[in-house]
mmCIF file of all heavy atoms, coordinates in Angstrom:
data_MODEL
# 
_entry.id   MODEL 
# 
loop_
_atom_site.group_PDB 
_atom_site.id 
_atom_site.type_symbol 
_atom_site.label_atom_id 
_atom_site.label_alt_id 
_atom_site.label_comp_id 
_atom_site.label_asym_id 
_atom_site.label_entity_id 
_atom_site.label_seq_id 
_atom_site.pdbx_PDB_ins_code 
_atom_site.Cartn_x 
_atom_site.Cartn_y 
_atom_site.Cartn_z 
_atom_site.occupancy 
_atom_site.B_iso_or_equiv 
_atom_site.pdbx_formal_charge 
_atom_site.auth_seq_id 
_atom_site.auth_comp_id 
_atom_site.auth_asym_id 
_atom_site.auth_atom_id 
_atom_site.pdbx_PDB_model_num 
ATOM 1   N N   . ASP A 1 1  ? -5.500 -23.407 7.378   1.00 0.00 ? 1  ASP A N   1 
ATOM 2   C CA  . ASP A 1 1  ? -5.600 -22.031 7.870   1.00 0.00 ? 1  ASP A CA  1 
ATOM 3   C C   . ASP A 1 1  ? -4.552 -21.141 7.205   1.00 0.00 ? 1  ASP A C   1 
ATOM 4   O O   . ASP A 1 1  ? -4.831 -19.992 6.844   1.00 0.00 ? 1  ASP A O   1 
ATOM 5   C CB  . ASP A 1 1  ? -5.426 -21.989 9.392   1.00 0.00 ? 1  ASP A CB  1 
ATOM 6   C CG  . ASP A 1 1  ? -6.673 -22.418 10.133  1.00 0.00 ? 1  ASP A CG  1 
ATOM 7   O OD1 . ASP A 1 1  ? -7.715 -22.645 9.481   1.00 0.00 ? 1  ASP A OD1 1 
ATOM 8   O OD2 . ASP A 1 1  ? -6.618 -22.541 11.382  1.00 0.00 ? 1  ASP A OD2 1 
ATOM 9   N N   . ARG A 1 2  ? -3.346 -21.656 7.053   1.00 0.00 ? 2  ARG A N   1 
ATOM 10  C CA  . ARG A 1 2  ? -2.274 -20.859 6.450   1.00 0.00 ? 2  ARG A CA  1 
ATOM 11  C C   . ARG A 1 2  ? -2.563 -20.600 4.969   1.00 0.00 ? 2  ARG A C   1 
ATOM 12  O O   . ARG A 1 2  ? -2.344 -19.485 4.471   1.00 0.00 ? 2  ARG A O   1 
ATOM 13  C CB  . ARG A 1 2  ? -0.927 -21.574 6.616   1.00 0.00 ? 2  ARG A CB  1 
ATOM 14  C CG  . ARG A 1 2  ? 0.259  -20.774 6.085   1.00 0.00 ? 2  ARG A CG  1 
ATOM 15  C CD  . ARG A 1 2  ? 0.380  -19.437 6.769   1.00 0.00 ? 2  ARG A CD  1 
ATOM 16  N NE  . ARG A 1 2  ? 1.458  -18.622 6.191   1.00 0.00 ? 2  ARG A NE  1 
ATOM 17  C CZ  . ARG A 1 2  ? 1.550  -17.310 6.351   1.00 0.00 ? 2  ARG A CZ  1 
ATOM 18  N NH1 . ARG A 1 2  ? 0.634  -16.662 7.075   1.00 0.00 ? 2  ARG A NH1 1 
ATOM 19  N NH2 . ARG A 1 2  ? 2.544  -16.637 5.811   1.00 0.00 ? 2  ARG A NH2 1 
ATOM 20  N N   . VAL A 1 3  ? -3.058 -21.604 4.265   1.00 0.00 ? 3  VAL A N   1 
ATOM 21  C CA  . VAL A 1 3  ? -3.407 -21.419 2.857   1.00 0.00 ? 3  VAL A CA  1 
ATOM 22  C C   . VAL A 1 3  ? -4.488 -20.347 2.722   1.00 0.00 ? 3  VAL A C   1 
ATOM 23  O O   . VAL A 1 3  ? -4.432 -19.487 1.837   1.00 0.00 ? 3  VAL A O   1 
ATOM 24  C CB  . VAL A 1 3  ? -3.882 -22.746 2.232   1.00 0.00 ? 3  VAL A CB  1 
ATOM 25  C CG1 . VAL A 1 3  ? -4.381 -22.524 0.806   1.00 0.00 ? 3  VAL A CG1 1 
ATOM 26  C CG2 . VAL A 1 3  ? -2.755 -23.771 2.227   1.00 0.00 ? 3  VAL A CG2 1 
ATOM 27  N N   . ALA A 1 4  ? -5.461 -20.363 3.635   1.00 0.00 ? 4  ALA A N   1 
ATOM 28  C CA  . ALA A 1 4  ? -6.549 -19.389 3.587   1.00 0.00 ? 4  ALA A CA  1 
ATOM 29  C C   . ALA A 1 4  ? -6.030 -17.967 3.781   1.00 0.00 ? 4  ALA A C   1 
ATOM 30  O O   . ALA A 1 4  ? -6.468 -17.028 3.103   1.00 0.00 ? 4  ALA A O   1 
ATOM 31  C CB  . ALA A 1 4  ? -7.596 -19.721 4.645   1.00 0.00 ? 4  ALA A CB  1 
ATOM 32  N N   . VAL A 1 5  ? -5.084 -17.791 4.699   1.00 0.00 ? 5  VAL A N   1 
ATOM 33  C CA  . VAL A 1 5  ? -4.502 -16.465 4.936   1.00 0.00 ? 5  VAL A CA  1 
ATOM 34  C C   . VAL A 1 5  ? -3.755 -15.986 3.699   1.00 0.00 ? 5  VAL A C   1 
ATOM 35  O O   . VAL A 1 5  ? -3.921 -14.846 3.233   1.00 0.00 ? 5  VAL A O   1 
ATOM 36  C CB  . VAL A 1 5  ? -3.559 -16.495 6.158   1.00 0.00 ? 5  VAL A CB  1 
ATOM 37  C CG1 . VAL A 1 5  ? -2.748 -15.204 6.246   1.00 0.00 ? 5  VAL A CG1 1 
ATOM 38  C CG2 . VAL A 1 5  ? -4.363 -16.697 7.438   1.00 0.00 ? 5  VAL A CG2 1 
ATOM 39  N N   . LEU A 1 6  ? -2.934 -16.866 3.122   1.00 0.00 ? 6  LEU A N   1 
ATOM 40  C CA  . LEU A 1 6  ? -2.136 -16.478 1.959   1.00 0.00 ? 6  LEU A CA  1 
ATOM 41  C C   . LEU A 1 6  ? -3.010 -16.210 0.734   1.00 0.00 ? 6  LEU A C   1 
ATOM 42  O O   . LEU A 1 6  ? -2.641 -15.413 -0.138  1.00 0.00 ? 6  LEU A O   1 
ATOM 43  C CB  . LEU A 1 6  ? -1.109 -17.565 1.641   1.00 0.00 ? 6  LEU A CB  1 
ATOM 44  C CG  . LEU A 1 6  ? 0.030  -17.707 2.654   1.00 0.00 ? 6  LEU A CG  1 
ATOM 45  C CD1 . LEU A 1 6  ? 0.911  -18.903 2.303   1.00 0.00 ? 6  LEU A CD1 1 
ATOM 46  C CD2 . LEU A 1 6  ? 0.870  -16.439 2.718   1.00 0.00 ? 6  LEU A CD2 1 
ATOM 47  N N   . ALA A 1 7  ? -4.176 -16.865 0.646   1.00 0.00 ? 7  ALA A N   1 
ATOM 48  C CA  . ALA A 1 7  ? -5.060 -16.664 -0.497  1.00 0.00 ? 7  ALA A CA  1 
ATOM 49  C C   . ALA A 1 7  ? -5.583 -15.237 -0.578  1.00 0.00 ? 7  ALA A C   1 
ATOM 50  O O   . ALA A 1 7  ? -6.022 -14.791 -1.644  1.00 0.00 ? 7  ALA A O   1 
ATOM 51  C CB  . ALA A 1 7  ? -6.228 -17.646 -0.442  1.00 0.00 ? 7  ALA A CB  1 
ATOM 52  N N   . MET A 1 8  ? -5.539 -14.496 0.536   1.00 0.00 ? 8  MET A N   1 
ATOM 53  C CA  . MET A 1 8  ? -5.994 -13.103 0.541   1.00 0.00 ? 8  MET A CA  1 
ATOM 54  C C   . MET A 1 8  ? -4.864 -12.145 0.876   1.00 0.00 ? 8  MET A C   1 
ATOM 55  O O   . MET A 1 8  ? -5.104 -10.999 1.242   1.00 0.00 ? 8  MET A O   1 
ATOM 56  C CB  . MET A 1 8  ? -7.145 -12.934 1.532   1.00 0.00 ? 8  MET A CB  1 
ATOM 57  C CG  . MET A 1 8  ? -8.447 -13.544 1.060   1.00 0.00 ? 8  MET A CG  1 
ATOM 58  S SD  . MET A 1 8  ? -8.974 -12.936 -0.578  1.00 0.00 ? 8  MET A SD  1 
ATOM 59  C CE  . MET A 1 8  ? -9.220 -11.197 -0.226  1.00 0.00 ? 8  MET A CE  1 
ATOM 60  N N   . GLN A 1 9  ? -3.623 -12.606 0.720   1.00 0.00 ? 9  GLN A N   1 
ATOM 61  C CA  . GLN A 1 9  ? -2.460 -11.748 0.936   1.00 0.00 ? 9  GLN A CA  1 
ATOM 62  C C   . GLN A 1 9  ? -1.926 -11.321 -0.426  1.00 0.00 ? 9  GLN A C   1 
ATOM 63  O O   . GLN A 1 9  ? -1.415 -12.146 -1.186  1.00 0.00 ? 9  GLN A O   1 
ATOM 64  C CB  . GLN A 1 9  ? -1.389 -12.503 1.716   1.00 0.00 ? 9  GLN A CB  1 
ATOM 65  C CG  . GLN A 1 9  ? -0.169 -11.668 2.059   1.00 0.00 ? 9  GLN A CG  1 
ATOM 66  C CD  . GLN A 1 9  ? 0.766  -12.423 2.995   1.00 0.00 ? 9  GLN A CD  1 
ATOM 67  O OE1 . GLN A 1 9  ? 0.402  -12.815 4.097   1.00 0.00 ? 9  GLN A OE1 1 
ATOM 68  N NE2 . GLN A 1 9  ? 1.991  -12.650 2.532   1.00 0.00 ? 9  GLN A NE2 1 
ATOM 69  N N   . PRO A 1 10 ? -2.028 -10.047 -0.793  1.00 0.00 ? 10 PRO A N   1 
ATOM 70  C CA  . PRO A 1 10 ? -1.637 -9.621  -2.146  1.00 0.00 ? 10 PRO A CA  1 
ATOM 71  C C   . PRO A 1 10 ? -0.153 -9.870  -2.428  1.00 0.00 ? 10 PRO A C   1 
ATOM 72  O O   . PRO A 1 10 ? 0.697  -9.784  -1.533  1.00 0.00 ? 10 PRO A O   1 
ATOM 73  C CB  . PRO A 1 10 ? -1.949 -8.119  -2.152  1.00 0.00 ? 10 PRO A CB  1 
ATOM 74  C CG  . PRO A 1 10 ? -2.928 -7.906  -1.036  1.00 0.00 ? 10 PRO A CG  1 
ATOM 75  C CD  . PRO A 1 10 ? -2.570 -8.934  0.007   1.00 0.00 ? 10 PRO A CD  1 
ATOM 76  N N   . LEU A 1 11 ? 0.140  -10.177 -3.676  1.00 0.00 ? 11 LEU A N   1 
ATOM 77  C CA  . LEU A 1 11 ? 1.519  -10.270 -4.131  1.00 0.00 ? 11 LEU A CA  1 
ATOM 78  C C   . LEU A 1 11 ? 2.086  -8.875  -4.329  1.00 0.00 ? 11 LEU A C   1 
ATOM 79  O O   . LEU A 1 11 ? 1.350  -7.914  -4.548  1.00 0.00 ? 11 LEU A O   1 
ATOM 80  C CB  . LEU A 1 11 ? 1.570  -11.066 -5.442  1.00 0.00 ? 11 LEU A CB  1 
ATOM 81  C CG  . LEU A 1 11 ? 1.119  -12.525 -5.346  1.00 0.00 ? 11 LEU A CG  1 
ATOM 82  C CD1 . LEU A 1 11 ? 0.839  -13.079 -6.734  1.00 0.00 ? 11 LEU A CD1 1 
ATOM 83  C CD2 . LEU A 1 11 ? 2.157  -13.373 -4.620  1.00 0.00 ? 11 LEU A CD2 1 
ATOM 84  N N   . ASP A 1 12 ? 3.397  -8.750  -4.247  1.00 0.00 ? 12 ASP A N   1 
ATOM 85  C CA  . ASP A 1 12 ? 4.070  -7.459  -4.380  1.00 0.00 ? 12 ASP A CA  1 
ATOM 86  C C   . ASP A 1 12 ? 4.078  -7.032  -5.841  1.00 0.00 ? 12 ASP A C   1 
ATOM 87  O O   . ASP A 1 12 ? 4.736  -7.660  -6.677  1.00 0.00 ? 12 ASP A O   1 
ATOM 88  C CB  . ASP A 1 12 ? 5.506  -7.588  -3.859  1.00 0.00 ? 12 ASP A CB  1 
ATOM 89  C CG  . ASP A 1 12 ? 6.263  -6.266  -3.881  1.00 0.00 ? 12 ASP A CG  1 
ATOM 90  O OD1 . ASP A 1 12 ? 5.722  -5.267  -4.407  1.00 0.00 ? 12 ASP A OD1 1 
ATOM 91  O OD2 . ASP A 1 12 ? 7.400  -6.227  -3.373  1.00 0.00 ? 12 ASP A OD2 1 
ATOM 92  N N   . PRO A 1 13 ? 3.342  -5.952  -6.202  1.00 0.00 ? 13 PRO A N   1 
ATOM 93  C CA  . PRO A 1 13 ? 3.279  -5.544  -7.614  1.00 0.00 ? 13 PRO A CA  1 
ATOM 94  C C   . PRO A 1 13 ? 4.586  -4.980  -8.150  1.00 0.00 ? 13 PRO A C   1 
ATOM 95  O O   . PRO A 1 13 ? 4.735  -4.818  -9.363  1.00 0.00 ? 13 PRO A O   1 
ATOM 96  C CB  . PRO A 1 13 ? 2.178  -4.472  -7.611  1.00 0.00 ? 13 PRO A CB  1 
ATOM 97  C CG  . PRO A 1 13 ? 2.205  -3.911  -6.220  1.00 0.00 ? 13 PRO A CG  1 
ATOM 98  C CD  . PRO A 1 13 ? 2.562  -5.063  -5.330  1.00 0.00 ? 13 PRO A CD  1 
ATOM 99  N N   . GLY A 1 14 ? 5.546  -4.682  -7.265  1.00 0.00 ? 14 GLY A N   1 
ATOM 100 C CA  . GLY A 1 14 ? 6.823  -4.158  -7.713  1.00 0.00 ? 14 GLY A CA  1 
ATOM 101 C C   . GLY A 1 14 ? 7.794  -5.220  -8.176  1.00 0.00 ? 14 GLY A C   1 
ATOM 102 O O   . GLY A 1 14 ? 8.899  -4.898  -8.624  1.00 0.00 ? 14 GLY A O   1 
ATOM 103 N N   . HIS A 1 15 ? 7.386  -6.484  -8.074  1.00 0.00 ? 15 HIS A N   1 
ATOM 104 C CA  . HIS A 1 15 ? 8.257  -7.608  -8.451  1.00 0.00 ? 15 HIS A CA  1 
ATOM 105 C C   . HIS A 1 15 ? 7.413  -8.676  -9.137  1.00 0.00 ? 15 HIS A C   1 
ATOM 106 O O   . HIS A 1 15 ? 6.178  -8.556  -9.192  1.00 0.00 ? 15 HIS A O   1 
ATOM 107 C CB  . HIS A 1 15 ? 8.973  -8.154  -7.209  1.00 0.00 ? 15 HIS A CB  1 
ATOM 108 C CG  . HIS A 1 15 ? 9.861  -7.152  -6.537  1.00 0.00 ? 15 HIS A CG  1 
ATOM 109 N ND1 . HIS A 1 15 ? 11.076 -6.776  -7.055  1.00 0.00 ? 15 HIS A ND1 1 
ATOM 110 C CD2 . HIS A 1 15 ? 9.681  -6.408  -5.415  1.00 0.00 ? 15 HIS A CD2 1 
ATOM 111 C CE1 . HIS A 1 15 ? 11.628 -5.860  -6.279  1.00 0.00 ? 15 HIS A CE1 1 
ATOM 112 N NE2 . HIS A 1 15 ? 10.798 -5.617  -5.268  1.00 0.00 ? 15 HIS A NE2 1 
ATOM 113 N N   . PRO A 1 16 ? 8.042  -9.730  -9.694  1.00 0.00 ? 16 PRO A N   1 
ATOM 114 C CA  . PRO A 1 16 ? 7.261  -10.777 -10.346 1.00 0.00 ? 16 PRO A CA  1 
ATOM 115 C C   . PRO A 1 16 ? 6.152  -11.314 -9.439  1.00 0.00 ? 16 PRO A C   1 
ATOM 116 O O   . PRO A 1 16 ? 6.352  -11.500 -8.233  1.00 0.00 ? 16 PRO A O   1 
ATOM 117 C CB  . PRO A 1 16 ? 8.314  -11.850 -10.658 1.00 0.00 ? 16 PRO A CB  1 
ATOM 118 C CG  . PRO A 1 16 ? 9.572  -11.053 -10.876 1.00 0.00 ? 16 PRO A CG  1 
ATOM 119 C CD  . PRO A 1 16 ? 9.500  -9.941  -9.871  1.00 0.00 ? 16 PRO A CD  1 
ATOM 120 N N   . LEU A 1 17 ? 5.003  -11.574 -10.035 1.00 0.00 ? 17 LEU A N   1 
ATOM 121 C CA  . LEU A 1 17 ? 3.785  -11.840 -9.271  1.00 0.00 ? 17 LEU A CA  1 
ATOM 122 C C   . LEU A 1 17 ? 3.632  -13.324 -8.944  1.00 0.00 ? 17 LEU A C   1 
ATOM 123 O O   . LEU A 1 17 ? 2.699  -14.003 -9.399  1.00 0.00 ? 17 LEU A O   1 
ATOM 124 C CB  . LEU A 1 17 ? 2.577  -11.318 -10.046 1.00 0.00 ? 17 LEU A CB  1 
ATOM 125 C CG  . LEU A 1 17 ? 2.539  -9.788  -10.223 1.00 0.00 ? 17 LEU A CG  1 
ATOM 126 C CD1 . LEU A 1 17 ? 1.416  -9.381  -11.162 1.00 0.00 ? 17 LEU A CD1 1 
ATOM 127 C CD2 . LEU A 1 17 ? 2.389  -9.101  -8.865  1.00 0.00 ? 17 LEU A CD2 1 
ATOM 128 N N   . TRP A 1 18 ? 4.547  -13.829 -8.124  1.00 0.00 ? 18 TRP A N   1 
ATOM 129 C CA  . TRP A 1 18 ? 4.429  -15.203 -7.645  1.00 0.00 ? 18 TRP A CA  1 
ATOM 130 C C   . TRP A 1 18 ? 5.173  -15.332 -6.329  1.00 0.00 ? 18 TRP A C   1 
ATOM 131 O O   . TRP A 1 18 ? 6.059  -14.536 -6.011  1.00 0.00 ? 18 TRP A O   1 
ATOM 132 C CB  . TRP A 1 18 ? 4.980  -16.199 -8.671  1.00 0.00 ? 18 TRP A CB  1 
ATOM 133 C CG  . TRP A 1 18 ? 6.465  -16.082 -8.936  1.00 0.00 ? 18 TRP A CG  1 
ATOM 134 C CD1 . TRP A 1 18 ? 7.067  -15.205 -9.775  1.00 0.00 ? 18 TRP A CD1 1 
ATOM 135 C CD2 . TRP A 1 18 ? 7.513  -16.874 -8.349  1.00 0.00 ? 18 TRP A CD2 1 
ATOM 136 N NE1 . TRP A 1 18 ? 8.437  -15.386 -9.757  1.00 0.00 ? 18 TRP A NE1 1 
ATOM 137 C CE2 . TRP A 1 18 ? 8.735  -16.407 -8.892  1.00 0.00 ? 18 TRP A CE2 1 
ATOM 138 C CE3 . TRP A 1 18 ? 7.543  -17.927 -7.430  1.00 0.00 ? 18 TRP A CE3 1 
ATOM 139 C CZ2 . TRP A 1 18 ? 9.963  -16.958 -8.547  1.00 0.00 ? 18 TRP A CZ2 1 
ATOM 140 C CZ3 . TRP A 1 18 ? 8.765  -18.479 -7.082  1.00 0.00 ? 18 TRP A CZ3 1 
ATOM 141 C CH2 . TRP A 1 18 ? 9.949  -18.004 -7.647  1.00 0.00 ? 18 TRP A CH2 1 
ATOM 142 N N   . HIS A 1 19 ? 4.789  -16.357 -5.558  1.00 0.00 ? 19 HIS A N   1 
ATOM 143 C CA  . HIS A 1 19 ? 5.425  -16.575 -4.262  1.00 0.00 ? 19 HIS A CA  1 
ATOM 144 C C   . HIS A 1 19 ? 5.237  -18.026 -3.841  1.00 0.00 ? 19 HIS A C   1 
ATOM 145 O O   . HIS A 1 19 ? 4.149  -18.593 -3.975  1.00 0.00 ? 19 HIS A O   1 
ATOM 146 C CB  . HIS A 1 19 ? 4.814  -15.656 -3.201  1.00 0.00 ? 19 HIS A CB  1 
ATOM 147 C CG  . HIS A 1 19 ? 5.524  -15.712 -1.883  1.00 0.00 ? 19 HIS A CG  1 
ATOM 148 N ND1 . HIS A 1 19 ? 5.152  -16.576 -0.873  1.00 0.00 ? 19 HIS A ND1 1 
ATOM 149 C CD2 . HIS A 1 19 ? 6.605  -15.020 -1.428  1.00 0.00 ? 19 HIS A CD2 1 
ATOM 150 C CE1 . HIS A 1 19 ? 5.967  -16.406 0.161   1.00 0.00 ? 19 HIS A CE1 1 
ATOM 151 N NE2 . HIS A 1 19 ? 6.851  -15.472 -0.154  1.00 0.00 ? 19 HIS A NE2 1 
ATOM 152 N N   . PHE A 1 20 ? 6.327  -18.630 -3.369  1.00 0.00 ? 20 PHE A N   1 
ATOM 153 C CA  . PHE A 1 20 ? 6.296  -19.981 -2.795  1.00 0.00 ? 20 PHE A CA  1 
ATOM 154 C C   . PHE A 1 20 ? 6.622  -19.885 -1.310  1.00 0.00 ? 20 PHE A C   1 
ATOM 155 O O   . PHE A 1 20 ? 7.587  -19.207 -0.934  1.00 0.00 ? 20 PHE A O   1 
ATOM 156 C CB  . PHE A 1 20 ? 7.339  -20.898 -3.450  1.00 0.00 ? 20 PHE A CB  1 
ATOM 157 C CG  . PHE A 1 20 ? 7.032  -21.310 -4.862  1.00 0.00 ? 20 PHE A CG  1 
ATOM 158 C CD1 . PHE A 1 20 ? 7.965  -22.049 -5.582  1.00 0.00 ? 20 PHE A CD1 1 
ATOM 159 C CD2 . PHE A 1 20 ? 5.837  -20.988 -5.481  1.00 0.00 ? 20 PHE A CD2 1 
ATOM 160 C CE1 . PHE A 1 20 ? 7.713  -22.442 -6.888  1.00 0.00 ? 20 PHE A CE1 1 
ATOM 161 C CE2 . PHE A 1 20 ? 5.570  -21.367 -6.777  1.00 0.00 ? 20 PHE A CE2 1 
ATOM 162 C CZ  . PHE A 1 20 ? 6.508  -22.099 -7.486  1.00 0.00 ? 20 PHE A CZ  1 
ATOM 163 N N   . GLU A 1 21 ? 5.831  -20.547 -0.492  1.00 0.00 ? 21 GLU A N   1 
ATOM 164 C CA  . GLU A 1 21 ? 6.147  -20.651 0.938   1.00 0.00 ? 21 GLU A CA  1 
ATOM 165 C C   . GLU A 1 21 ? 6.311  -22.119 1.294   1.00 0.00 ? 21 GLU A C   1 
ATOM 166 O O   . GLU A 1 21 ? 5.390  -22.917 1.101   1.00 0.00 ? 21 GLU A O   1 
ATOM 167 C CB  . GLU A 1 21 ? 5.041  -20.014 1.784   1.00 0.00 ? 21 GLU A CB  1 
ATOM 168 C CG  . GLU A 1 21 ? 5.349  -20.063 3.280   1.00 0.00 ? 21 GLU A CG  1 
ATOM 169 C CD  . GLU A 1 21 ? 4.388  -19.227 4.107   1.00 0.00 ? 21 GLU A CD  1 
ATOM 170 O OE1 . GLU A 1 21 ? 4.425  -17.982 3.961   1.00 0.00 ? 21 GLU A OE1 1 
ATOM 171 O OE2 . GLU A 1 21 ? 3.595  -19.810 4.876   1.00 0.00 ? 21 GLU A OE2 1 
ATOM 172 N N   . LEU A 1 22 ? 7.483  -22.469 1.805   1.00 0.00 ? 22 LEU A N   1 
ATOM 173 C CA  . LEU A 1 22 ? 7.792  -23.847 2.157   1.00 0.00 ? 22 LEU A CA  1 
ATOM 174 C C   . LEU A 1 22 ? 7.672  -24.036 3.658   1.00 0.00 ? 22 LEU A C   1 
ATOM 175 O O   . LEU A 1 22 ? 8.324  -23.337 4.432   1.00 0.00 ? 22 LEU A O   1 
ATOM 176 C CB  . LEU A 1 22 ? 9.210  -24.209 1.694   1.00 0.00 ? 22 LEU A CB  1 
ATOM 177 C CG  . LEU A 1 22 ? 9.704  -25.614 2.054   1.00 0.00 ? 22 LEU A CG  1 
ATOM 178 C CD1 . LEU A 1 22 ? 8.883  -26.680 1.327   1.00 0.00 ? 22 LEU A CD1 1 
ATOM 179 C CD2 . LEU A 1 22 ? 11.193 -25.766 1.740   1.00 0.00 ? 22 LEU A CD2 1 
ATOM 180 N N   . VAL A 1 23 ? 6.832  -24.968 4.052   1.00 0.00 ? 23 VAL A N   1 
ATOM 181 C CA  . VAL A 1 23 ? 6.770  -25.408 5.454   1.00 0.00 ? 23 VAL A CA  1 
ATOM 182 C C   . VAL A 1 23 ? 7.669  -26.639 5.528   1.00 0.00 ? 23 VAL A C   1 
ATOM 183 O O   . VAL A 1 23 ? 7.284  -27.729 5.096   1.00 0.00 ? 23 VAL A O   1 
ATOM 184 C CB  . VAL A 1 23 ? 5.327  -25.744 5.873   1.00 0.00 ? 23 VAL A CB  1 
ATOM 185 C CG1 . VAL A 1 23 ? 5.293  -26.174 7.333   1.00 0.00 ? 23 VAL A CG1 1 
ATOM 186 C CG2 . VAL A 1 23 ? 4.407  -24.549 5.634   1.00 0.00 ? 23 VAL A CG2 1 
ATOM 187 N N   . GLU A 1 24 ? 8.883  -26.453 6.023   1.00 0.00 ? 24 GLU A N   1 
ATOM 188 C CA  . GLU A 1 24 ? 9.882  -27.522 5.941   1.00 0.00 ? 24 GLU A CA  1 
ATOM 189 C C   . GLU A 1 24 ? 9.500  -28.735 6.769   1.00 0.00 ? 24 GLU A C   1 
ATOM 190 O O   . GLU A 1 24 ? 9.823  -29.867 6.407   1.00 0.00 ? 24 GLU A O   1 
ATOM 191 C CB  . GLU A 1 24 ? 11.255 -26.983 6.363   1.00 0.00 ? 24 GLU A CB  1 
ATOM 192 C CG  . GLU A 1 24 ? 11.813 -25.955 5.372   1.00 0.00 ? 24 GLU A CG  1 
ATOM 193 C CD  . GLU A 1 24 ? 13.256 -25.606 5.657   1.00 0.00 ? 24 GLU A CD  1 
ATOM 194 O OE1 . GLU A 1 24 ? 14.108 -26.521 5.695   1.00 0.00 ? 24 GLU A OE1 1 
ATOM 195 O OE2 . GLU A 1 24 ? 13.554 -24.403 5.859   1.00 0.00 ? 24 GLU A OE2 1 
ATOM 196 N N   . GLN A 1 25 ? 8.807  -28.516 7.905   1.00 0.00 ? 25 GLN A N   1 
ATOM 197 C CA  . GLN A 1 25 ? 8.391  -29.633 8.752   1.00 0.00 ? 25 GLN A CA  1 
ATOM 198 C C   . GLN A 1 25 ? 6.873  -29.624 8.878   1.00 0.00 ? 25 GLN A C   1 
ATOM 199 O O   . GLN A 1 25 ? 6.291  -28.765 9.524   1.00 0.00 ? 25 GLN A O   1 
ATOM 200 C CB  . GLN A 1 25 ? 9.047  -29.533 10.139  1.00 0.00 ? 25 GLN A CB  1 
ATOM 201 C CG  . GLN A 1 25 ? 10.563 -29.563 10.126  1.00 0.00 ? 25 GLN A CG  1 
ATOM 202 C CD  . GLN A 1 25 ? 11.117 -30.866 9.554   1.00 0.00 ? 25 GLN A CD  1 
ATOM 203 O OE1 . GLN A 1 25 ? 10.567 -31.943 9.806   1.00 0.00 ? 25 GLN A OE1 1 
ATOM 204 N NE2 . GLN A 1 25 ? 12.198 -30.760 8.800   1.00 0.00 ? 25 GLN A NE2 1 
ATOM 205 N N   . HIS A 1 26 ? 6.242  -30.602 8.219   1.00 0.00 ? 26 HIS A N   1 
ATOM 206 C CA  . HIS A 1 26 ? 4.781  -30.696 8.258   1.00 0.00 ? 26 HIS A CA  1 
ATOM 207 C C   . HIS A 1 26 ? 4.352  -32.155 8.191   1.00 0.00 ? 26 HIS A C   1 
ATOM 208 O O   . HIS A 1 26 ? 4.557  -32.827 7.173   1.00 0.00 ? 26 HIS A O   1 
ATOM 209 C CB  . HIS A 1 26 ? 4.148  -29.932 7.091   1.00 0.00 ? 26 HIS A CB  1 
ATOM 210 C CG  . HIS A 1 26 ? 2.677  -30.224 6.913   1.00 0.00 ? 26 HIS A CG  1 
ATOM 211 N ND1 . HIS A 1 26 ? 1.728  -29.768 7.792   1.00 0.00 ? 26 HIS A ND1 1 
ATOM 212 C CD2 . HIS A 1 26 ? 2.004  -30.949 5.968   1.00 0.00 ? 26 HIS A CD2 1 
ATOM 213 C CE1 . HIS A 1 26 ? 0.531  -30.183 7.404   1.00 0.00 ? 26 HIS A CE1 1 
ATOM 214 N NE2 . HIS A 1 26 ? 0.684  -30.903 6.309   1.00 0.00 ? 26 HIS A NE2 1 
ATOM 215 N N   . ASP A 1 27 ? 3.796  -32.653 9.272   1.00 0.00 ? 27 ASP A N   1 
ATOM 216 C CA  . ASP A 1 27 ? 3.174  -33.979 9.302   1.00 0.00 ? 27 ASP A CA  1 
ATOM 217 C C   . ASP A 1 27 ? 4.082  -35.062 8.722   1.00 0.00 ? 27 ASP A C   1 
ATOM 218 O O   . ASP A 1 27 ? 3.678  -35.855 7.866   1.00 0.00 ? 27 ASP A O   1 
ATOM 219 C CB  . ASP A 1 27 ? 1.852  -33.923 8.534   1.00 0.00 ? 27 ASP A CB  1 
ATOM 220 C CG  . ASP A 1 27 ? 0.943  -35.101 8.855   1.00 0.00 ? 27 ASP A CG  1 
ATOM 221 O OD1 . ASP A 1 27 ? 1.118  -35.718 9.927   1.00 0.00 ? 27 ASP A OD1 1 
ATOM 222 O OD2 . ASP A 1 27 ? 0.055  -35.401 8.033   1.00 0.00 ? 27 ASP A OD2 1 
ATOM 223 N N   . GLY A 1 28 ? 5.332  -35.078 9.183   1.00 0.00 ? 28 GLY A N   1 
ATOM 224 C CA  . GLY A 1 28 ? 6.277  -36.083 8.716   1.00 0.00 ? 28 GLY A CA  1 
ATOM 225 C C   . GLY A 1 28 ? 6.923  -35.769 7.385   1.00 0.00 ? 28 GLY A C   1 
ATOM 226 O O   . GLY A 1 28 ? 7.626  -36.617 6.818   1.00 0.00 ? 28 GLY A O   1 
ATOM 227 N N   . GLY A 1 29 ? 6.707  -34.580 6.873   1.00 0.00 ? 29 GLY A N   1 
ATOM 228 C CA  . GLY A 1 29 ? 7.299  -34.193 5.605   1.00 0.00 ? 29 GLY A CA  1 
ATOM 229 C C   . GLY A 1 29 ? 7.350  -32.687 5.489   1.00 0.00 ? 29 GLY A C   1 
ATOM 230 O O   . GLY A 1 29 ? 7.652  -31.982 6.460   1.00 0.00 ? 29 GLY A O   1 
# 
C-alpha cells in the first residue's frame, strides 16, 4: 500500500529527482 501511494507522489522539481524512504522496522527487518 505504501509503495502504491509513493508511486503517484511527485518528486520535488526544485531539487534532485530522487527519494528514498526507509521503513526501519518491517517484518523482522
